[in-house]
Amino acid sequence: MDESTTAATLWKSNHDKQRPVWPAAGFIVTVVDDPATHGDLWVLPTDGGQPHQLIATEFDEEDPAVSPDGQWIAFVSDRSGANEIYVRRMSVGRVLQISTKGGTSPAWNHDGSEIFYVGADRMLMSVAVRPTASSLDAAAAKPLFALPRIAGRRPFSVTSDDRFLLSASTPAGTN
């Protein structure tokens, strides 16, 4: 920030907010920790509109990833008893589970036709998706490759040409 820029508070509440996602669609999605409902997904319009709950259940919802067109949200939830990847329209609609053996760190490809995530066995997984009038058709998850061990939450990023930028740790004492 330079001296001509001033910080502005967009939203003040008594609950912790974590890992905001700011797609180009004019809103921010963030995880709000509420003791009554655990982690919930909230939307904050960047035009000064009021924040509103997007997904709030008795389970944890976290790690949101908004599709490139701003119409869909992929996220992690433990509603099945384990962390899995789910997807839903941003507006309203049925929640669709797209992982079956655990998953974290969802990310969309450049055109929204594929969701990547980290499987429970540290494999980078891919699920082809296609929007329909009422939901999203999702193919079976396919493993792409094993991810290296890292320190931190998200071990990969997807570039605009659908390549992967990976984070990796080196053993202590090496460069």
C-alpha atoms as a PDB file:
ATOM      1  CA  MET A   1       0.000   0.000   0.000  1.00  0.00           C
ATOM      2  CA  ASP A   2       1.341   3.437  -0.806  1.00  0.00           C
ATOM      3  CA  GLU A   3       0.576   6.551   1.233  1.00  0.00           C
ATOM      4  CA  SER A   4      -2.328   7.602  -1.012  1.00  0.00           C
ATOM      5  CA  THR A   5      -4.215   4.366  -0.315  1.00  0.00           C
ATOM      6  CA  THR A   6      -6.375   4.048   2.771  1.00  0.00           C
ATOM      7  CA  ALA A   7      -7.638   0.842   4.294  1.00  0.00           C
ATOM      8  CA  ALA A   8     -11.390   0.388   4.662  1.00  0.00           C
ATOM      9  CA  THR A   9     -13.312  -2.021   6.863  1.00  0.00           C
ATOM     10  CA  LEU A  10     -15.704  -4.015   4.692  1.00  0.00           C
ATOM     11  CA  TRP A  11     -17.320  -6.051   7.444  1.00  0.00           C
ATOM     12  CA  LYS A  12     -17.169  -6.001  11.197  1.00  0.00           C
ATOM     13  CA  SER A  13     -18.542  -8.882  13.281  1.00  0.00           C
ATOM     14  CA  ASN A  14     -17.761 -10.801  16.460  1.00  0.00           C
ATOM     15  CA  HIS A  15     -16.724 -13.956  14.560  1.00  0.00           C
ATOM     16  CA  ASP A  16     -13.329 -14.830  13.096  1.00  0.00           C
ATOM     17  CA  LYS A  17     -13.081 -14.729   9.311  1.00  0.00           C
ATOM     18  CA  GLN A  18     -10.489 -16.803   7.447  1.00  0.00           C
ATOM     19  CA  ARG A  19      -9.058 -17.402   4.006  1.00  0.00           C
ATOM     20  CA  PRO A  20     -11.022 -14.904   1.903  1.00  0.00           C
ATOM     21  CA  VAL A  21     -11.401 -15.679  -1.796  1.00  0.00           C
ATOM     22  CA  TRP A  22     -11.836 -12.692  -4.096  1.00  0.00           C
ATOM     23  CA  PRO A  23     -12.900 -13.771  -7.590  1.00  0.00           C
ATOM     24  CA  ALA A  24     -13.297 -11.176 -10.343  1.00  0.00           C
ATOM     25  CA  ALA A  25     -17.088 -11.388  -9.948  1.00  0.00           C
ATOM     26  CA  GLY A  26     -17.532  -8.479  -7.490  1.00  0.00           C
ATOM     27  CA  PHE A  27     -17.744 -10.336  -4.210  1.00  0.00           C
ATOM     28  CA  ILE A  28     -15.584 -11.989  -1.574  1.00  0.00           C
ATOM     29  CA  VAL A  29     -16.261 -15.437  -0.129  1.00  0.00           C
ATOM     30  CA  THR A  30     -14.891 -16.112   3.328  1.00  0.00           C
ATOM     31  CA  VAL A  31     -15.107 -18.740   6.038  1.00  0.00           C
ATOM     32  CA  VAL A  32     -16.713 -17.459   9.243  1.00  0.00           C
ATOM     33  CA  ASP A  33     -16.056 -19.414  12.428  1.00  0.00           C
ATOM     34  CA  ASP A  34     -19.270 -19.497  14.433  1.00  0.00           C
ATOM     35  CA  PRO A  35     -19.249 -21.570  17.652  1.00  0.00           C
ATOM     36  CA  ALA A  36     -22.855 -22.641  16.992  1.00  0.00           C
ATOM     37  CA  THR A  37     -22.404 -23.842  13.405  1.00  0.00           C
ATOM     38  CA  HIS A  38     -18.605 -24.242  12.998  1.00  0.00           C
ATOM     39  CA  GLY A  39     -17.142 -22.980   9.714  1.00  0.00           C
ATOM     40  CA  ASP A  40     -19.698 -21.371   7.397  1.00  0.00           C
ATOM     41  CA  LEU A  41     -19.301 -19.768   3.981  1.00  0.00           C
ATOM     42  CA  TRP A  42     -20.346 -16.140   3.690  1.00  0.00           C
ATOM     43  CA  VAL A  43     -20.478 -13.756   0.718  1.00  0.00           C
ATOM     44  CA  LEU A  44     -19.483 -10.118   1.017  1.00  0.00           C
ATOM     45  CA  PRO A  45     -20.384  -7.930  -1.988  1.00  0.00           C
ATOM     46  CA  THR A  46     -17.536  -5.546  -2.819  1.00  0.00           C
ATOM     47  CA  ASP A  47     -19.970  -2.794  -3.848  1.00  0.00           C
ATOM     48  CA  GLY A  48     -20.953  -2.110  -0.239  1.00  0.00           C
ATOM     49  CA  GLY A  49     -23.841  -4.583  -0.021  1.00  0.00           C
ATOM     50  CA  GLN A  50     -24.621  -6.542   3.129  1.00  0.00           C
ATOM     51  CA  PRO A  51     -22.769  -9.799   3.888  1.00  0.00           C
ATOM     52  CA  HIS A  52     -24.949 -12.908   3.779  1.00  0.00           C
ATOM     53  CA  GLN A  53     -24.588 -16.595   4.572  1.00  0.00           C
ATOM     54  CA  LEU A  54     -24.032 -18.773   1.560  1.00  0.00           C
ATOM     55  CA  ILE A  55     -23.709 -22.177   3.250  1.00  0.00           C
ATOM     56  CA  ALA A  56     -24.216 -22.743   6.977  1.00  0.00           C
ATOM     57  CA  THR A  57     -24.827 -26.168   8.488  1.00  0.00           C
ATOM     58  CA  GLU A  58     -23.890 -27.977  11.675  1.00  0.00           C
ATOM     59  CA  PHE A  59     -20.790 -29.199   9.804  1.00  0.00           C
ATOM     60  CA  ASP A  60     -17.582 -27.390   8.845  1.00  0.00           C
ATOM     61  CA  GLU A  61     -17.581 -25.772   5.415  1.00  0.00           C
ATOM     62  CA  GLU A  62     -14.232 -24.321   4.408  1.00  0.00           C
ATOM     63  CA  ASP A  63     -11.665 -23.770   1.671  1.00  0.00           C
ATOM     64  CA  PRO A  64     -13.988 -22.151  -0.901  1.00  0.00           C
ATOM     65  CA  ALA A  65     -13.095 -21.971  -4.599  1.00  0.00           C
ATOM     66  CA  VAL A  66     -15.335 -19.951  -6.917  1.00  0.00           C
ATOM     67  CA  SER A  67     -15.677 -21.012 -10.568  1.00  0.00           C
ATOM     68  CA  PRO A  68     -14.205 -18.651 -13.191  1.00  0.00           C
ATOM     69  CA  ASP A  69     -17.693 -17.491 -14.246  1.00  0.00           C
ATOM     70  CA  GLY A  70     -18.659 -16.794 -10.608  1.00  0.00           C
ATOM     71  CA  GLN A  71     -21.672 -19.131 -10.796  1.00  0.00           C
ATOM     72  CA  TRP A  72     -20.432 -22.128  -8.779  1.00  0.00           C
ATOM     73  CA  ILE A  73     -18.568 -22.728  -5.553  1.00  0.00           C
ATOM     74  CA  ALA A  74     -16.492 -25.776  -4.656  1.00  0.00           C
ATOM     75  CA  PHE A  75     -15.675 -26.255  -0.982  1.00  0.00           C
ATOM     76  CA  VAL A  76     -14.573 -28.752   1.658  1.00  0.00           C
ATOM     77  CA  SER A  77     -17.070 -30.085   4.195  1.00  0.00           C
ATOM     78  CA  ASP A  78     -17.069 -32.849   6.780  1.00  0.00           C
ATOM     79  CA  ARG A  79     -20.820 -33.518   6.413  1.00  0.00           C
ATOM     80  CA  SER A  80     -20.109 -37.132   5.352  1.00  0.00           C
ATOM     81  CA  GLY A  81     -17.939 -37.751   8.418  1.00  0.00           C
ATOM     82  CA  ALA A  82     -14.698 -37.000   6.547  1.00  0.00           C
ATOM     83  CA  ASN A  83     -13.445 -34.004   4.565  1.00  0.00           C
ATOM     84  CA  GLU A  84     -14.821 -34.235   1.028  1.00  0.00           C
ATOM     85  CA  ILE A  85     -15.198 -31.840  -1.908  1.00  0.00           C
ATOM     86  CA  TYR A  86     -18.664 -30.462  -2.660  1.00  0.00           C
ATOM     87  CA  VAL A  87     -19.974 -28.047  -5.270  1.00  0.00           C
ATOM     88  CA  ARG A  88     -23.090 -25.873  -5.474  1.00  0.00           C
ATOM     89  CA  ARG A  89     -24.447 -22.916  -7.416  1.00  0.00           C
ATOM     90  CA  MET A  90     -23.522 -19.590  -5.833  1.00  0.00           C
ATOM     91  CA  SER A  91     -27.175 -18.537  -5.833  1.00  0.00           C
ATOM     92  CA  VAL A  92     -28.972 -21.600  -4.409  1.00  0.00           C
ATOM     93  CA  GLY A  93     -29.282 -25.236  -5.250  1.00  0.00           C
ATOM     94  CA  ARG A  94     -28.470 -28.797  -4.436  1.00  0.00           C
ATOM     95  CA  VAL A  95     -25.062 -29.583  -2.952  1.00  0.00           C
ATOM     96  CA  LEU A  96     -23.217 -32.240  -4.957  1.00  0.00           C
ATOM     97  CA  GLN A  97     -20.399 -34.319  -3.462  1.00  0.00           C
ATOM     98  CA  ILE A  98     -17.663 -34.799  -6.064  1.00  0.00           C
ATOM     99  CA  SER A  99     -14.980 -36.631  -4.079  1.00  0.00           C
ATOM    100  CA  THR A 100     -15.541 -40.031  -2.491  1.00  0.00           C
ATOM    101  CA  LYS A 101     -12.323 -40.938  -0.672  1.00  0.00           C
ATOM    102  CA  GLY A 102     -11.498 -37.655   1.004  1.00  0.00           C
ATOM    103  CA  GLY A 103     -10.464 -34.325  -0.413  1.00  0.00           C
ATOM    104  CA  THR A 104      -9.098 -30.866   0.345  1.00  0.00           C
ATOM    105  CA  SER A 105      -7.915 -27.756  -1.505  1.00  0.00           C
ATOM    106  CA  PRO A 106     -10.392 -27.525  -4.423  1.00  0.00           C
ATOM    107  CA  ALA A 107      -9.441 -25.371  -7.421  1.00  0.00           C
ATOM    108  CA  TRP A 108     -11.075 -24.782 -10.817  1.00  0.00           C
ATOM    109  CA  ASN A 109      -9.368 -24.899 -14.191  1.00  0.00           C
ATOM    110  CA  HIS A 110      -9.405 -21.766 -16.385  1.00  0.00           C
ATOM    111  CA  ASP A 111     -12.804 -22.365 -18.024  1.00  0.00           C
ATOM    112  CA  GLY A 112     -14.661 -24.073 -15.167  1.00  0.00           C
ATOM    113  CA  SER A 113     -14.854 -27.472 -16.863  1.00  0.00           C
ATOM    114  CA  GLU A 114     -12.673 -29.236 -14.309  1.00  0.00           C
ATOM    115  CA  ILE A 115     -12.161 -29.198 -10.550  1.00  0.00           C
ATOM    116  CA  PHE A 116      -8.848 -30.287  -9.049  1.00  0.00           C
ATOM    117  CA  TYR A 117      -8.347 -31.303  -5.442  1.00  0.00           C
ATOM    118  CA  VAL A 118      -5.946 -33.128  -3.141  1.00  0.00           C
ATOM    119  CA  GLY A 119      -7.103 -36.669  -2.386  1.00  0.00           C
ATOM    120  CA  ALA A 120      -6.621 -38.324   0.987  1.00  0.00           C
ATOM    121  CA  ASP A 121      -3.567 -40.198  -0.358  1.00  0.00           C
ATOM    122  CA  ARG A 122      -1.885 -36.898  -1.507  1.00  0.00           C
ATOM    123  CA  MET A 123      -2.813 -37.542  -5.138  1.00  0.00           C
ATOM    124  CA  LEU A 124      -3.870 -34.538  -7.217  1.00  0.00           C
ATOM    125  CA  MET A 125      -7.323 -35.483  -8.470  1.00  0.00           C
ATOM    126  CA  SER A 126      -9.350 -34.184 -11.419  1.00  0.00           C
ATOM    127  CA  VAL A 127     -13.127 -34.178 -11.912  1.00  0.00           C
ATOM    128  CA  ALA A 128     -14.618 -33.063 -15.226  1.00  0.00           C
ATOM    129  CA  VAL A 129     -17.792 -31.014 -14.629  1.00  0.00           C
ATOM    130  CA  ARG A 130     -20.531 -29.684 -16.903  1.00  0.00           C
ATOM    131  CA  PRO A 131     -23.292 -27.297 -15.817  1.00  0.00           C
ATOM    132  CA  THR A 132     -26.879 -28.333 -16.586  1.00  0.00           C
ATOM    133  CA  ALA A 133     -30.109 -26.373 -16.205  1.00  0.00           C
ATOM    134  CA  SER A 134     -30.570 -27.468 -12.599  1.00  0.00           C
ATOM    135  CA  SER A 135     -27.222 -28.774 -11.346  1.00  0.00           C
ATOM    136  CA  LEU A 136     -23.777 -29.886 -12.396  1.00  0.00           C
ATOM    137  CA  ASP A 137     -22.833 -33.184 -14.033  1.00  0.00           C
ATOM    138  CA  ALA A 138     -19.608 -34.532 -12.555  1.00  0.00           C
ATOM    139  CA  ALA A 139     -17.515 -37.378 -13.962  1.00  0.00           C
ATOM    140  CA  ALA A 140     -15.700 -39.852 -11.745  1.00  0.00           C
ATOM    141  CA  ALA A 141     -12.545 -38.455 -10.138  1.00  0.00           C
ATOM    142  CA  LYS A 142      -9.278 -39.348 -11.872  1.00  0.00           C
ATOM    143  CA  PRO A 143      -5.842 -39.313 -10.226  1.00  0.00           C
ATOM    144  CA  LEU A 144      -3.288 -37.114 -12.008  1.00  0.00           C
ATOM    145  CA  PHE A 145      -0.076 -37.452  -9.978  1.00  0.00           C
ATOM    146  CA  ALA A 146       1.275 -37.674  -6.438  1.00  0.00           C
ATOM    147  CA  LEU A 147       1.944 -34.375  -4.714  1.00  0.00           C
ATOM    148  CA  PRO A 148       5.143 -33.704  -2.765  1.00  0.00           C
ATOM    149  CA  ARG A 149       5.022 -33.208   0.995  1.00  0.00           C
ATOM    150  CA  ILE A 150       4.808 -29.538   1.895  1.00  0.00           C
ATOM    151  CA  ALA A 151       4.471 -27.260   4.847  1.00  0.00           C
ATOM    152  CA  GLY A 152       1.297 -25.246   4.489  1.00  0.00           C
ATOM    153  CA  ARG A 153      -2.284 -25.618   3.457  1.00  0.00           C
ATOM    154  CA  ARG A 154      -2.477 -25.507  -0.336  1.00  0.00           C
ATOM    155  CA  PRO A 155       0.141 -27.582  -2.168  1.00  0.00           C
ATOM    156  CA  PHE A 156      -0.738 -26.384  -5.689  1.00  0.00           C
ATOM    157  CA  SER A 157      -2.097 -23.553  -7.812  1.00  0.00           C
ATOM    158  CA  VAL A 158      -3.644 -23.809 -11.269  1.00  0.00           C
ATOM    159  CA  THR A 159      -2.299 -21.381 -13.870  1.00  0.00           C
ATOM    160  CA  SER A 160      -4.414 -19.701 -16.569  1.00  0.00           C
ATOM    161  CA  ASP A 161      -3.224 -22.302 -19.110  1.00  0.00           C
ATOM    162  CA  ASP A 162      -4.151 -25.190 -16.760  1.00  0.00           C
ATOM    163  CA  ARG A 163      -0.644 -26.053 -15.663  1.00  0.00           C
ATOM    164  CA  PHE A 164       0.199 -26.610 -12.017  1.00  0.00           C
ATOM    165  CA  LEU A 165       2.493 -24.658  -9.768  1.00  0.00           C
ATOM    166  CA  LEU A 166       3.524 -26.947  -6.904  1.00  0.00           C
ATOM    167  CA  SER A 167       4.898 -26.175  -3.465  1.00  0.00           C
ATOM    168  CA  ALA A 168       7.491 -28.545  -2.089  1.00  0.00           C
ATOM    169  CA  SER A 169       9.589 -28.792   1.041  1.00  0.00           C
ATOM    170  CA  THR A 170      13.221 -29.769   1.133  1.00  0.00           C
ATOM    171  CA  PRO A 171      14.726 -31.803   3.978  1.00  0.00           C
ATOM    172  CA  ALA A 172      16.286 -29.754   6.764  1.00  0.00           C
ATOM    173  CA  GLY A 173      19.872 -28.780   6.063  1.00  0.00           C
ATOM    174  CA  THR A 174      19.571 -28.916   2.249  1.00  0.00           C
ATOM    175  CA  ASN A 175      19.158 -26.071  -0.242  1.00  0.00           C
END
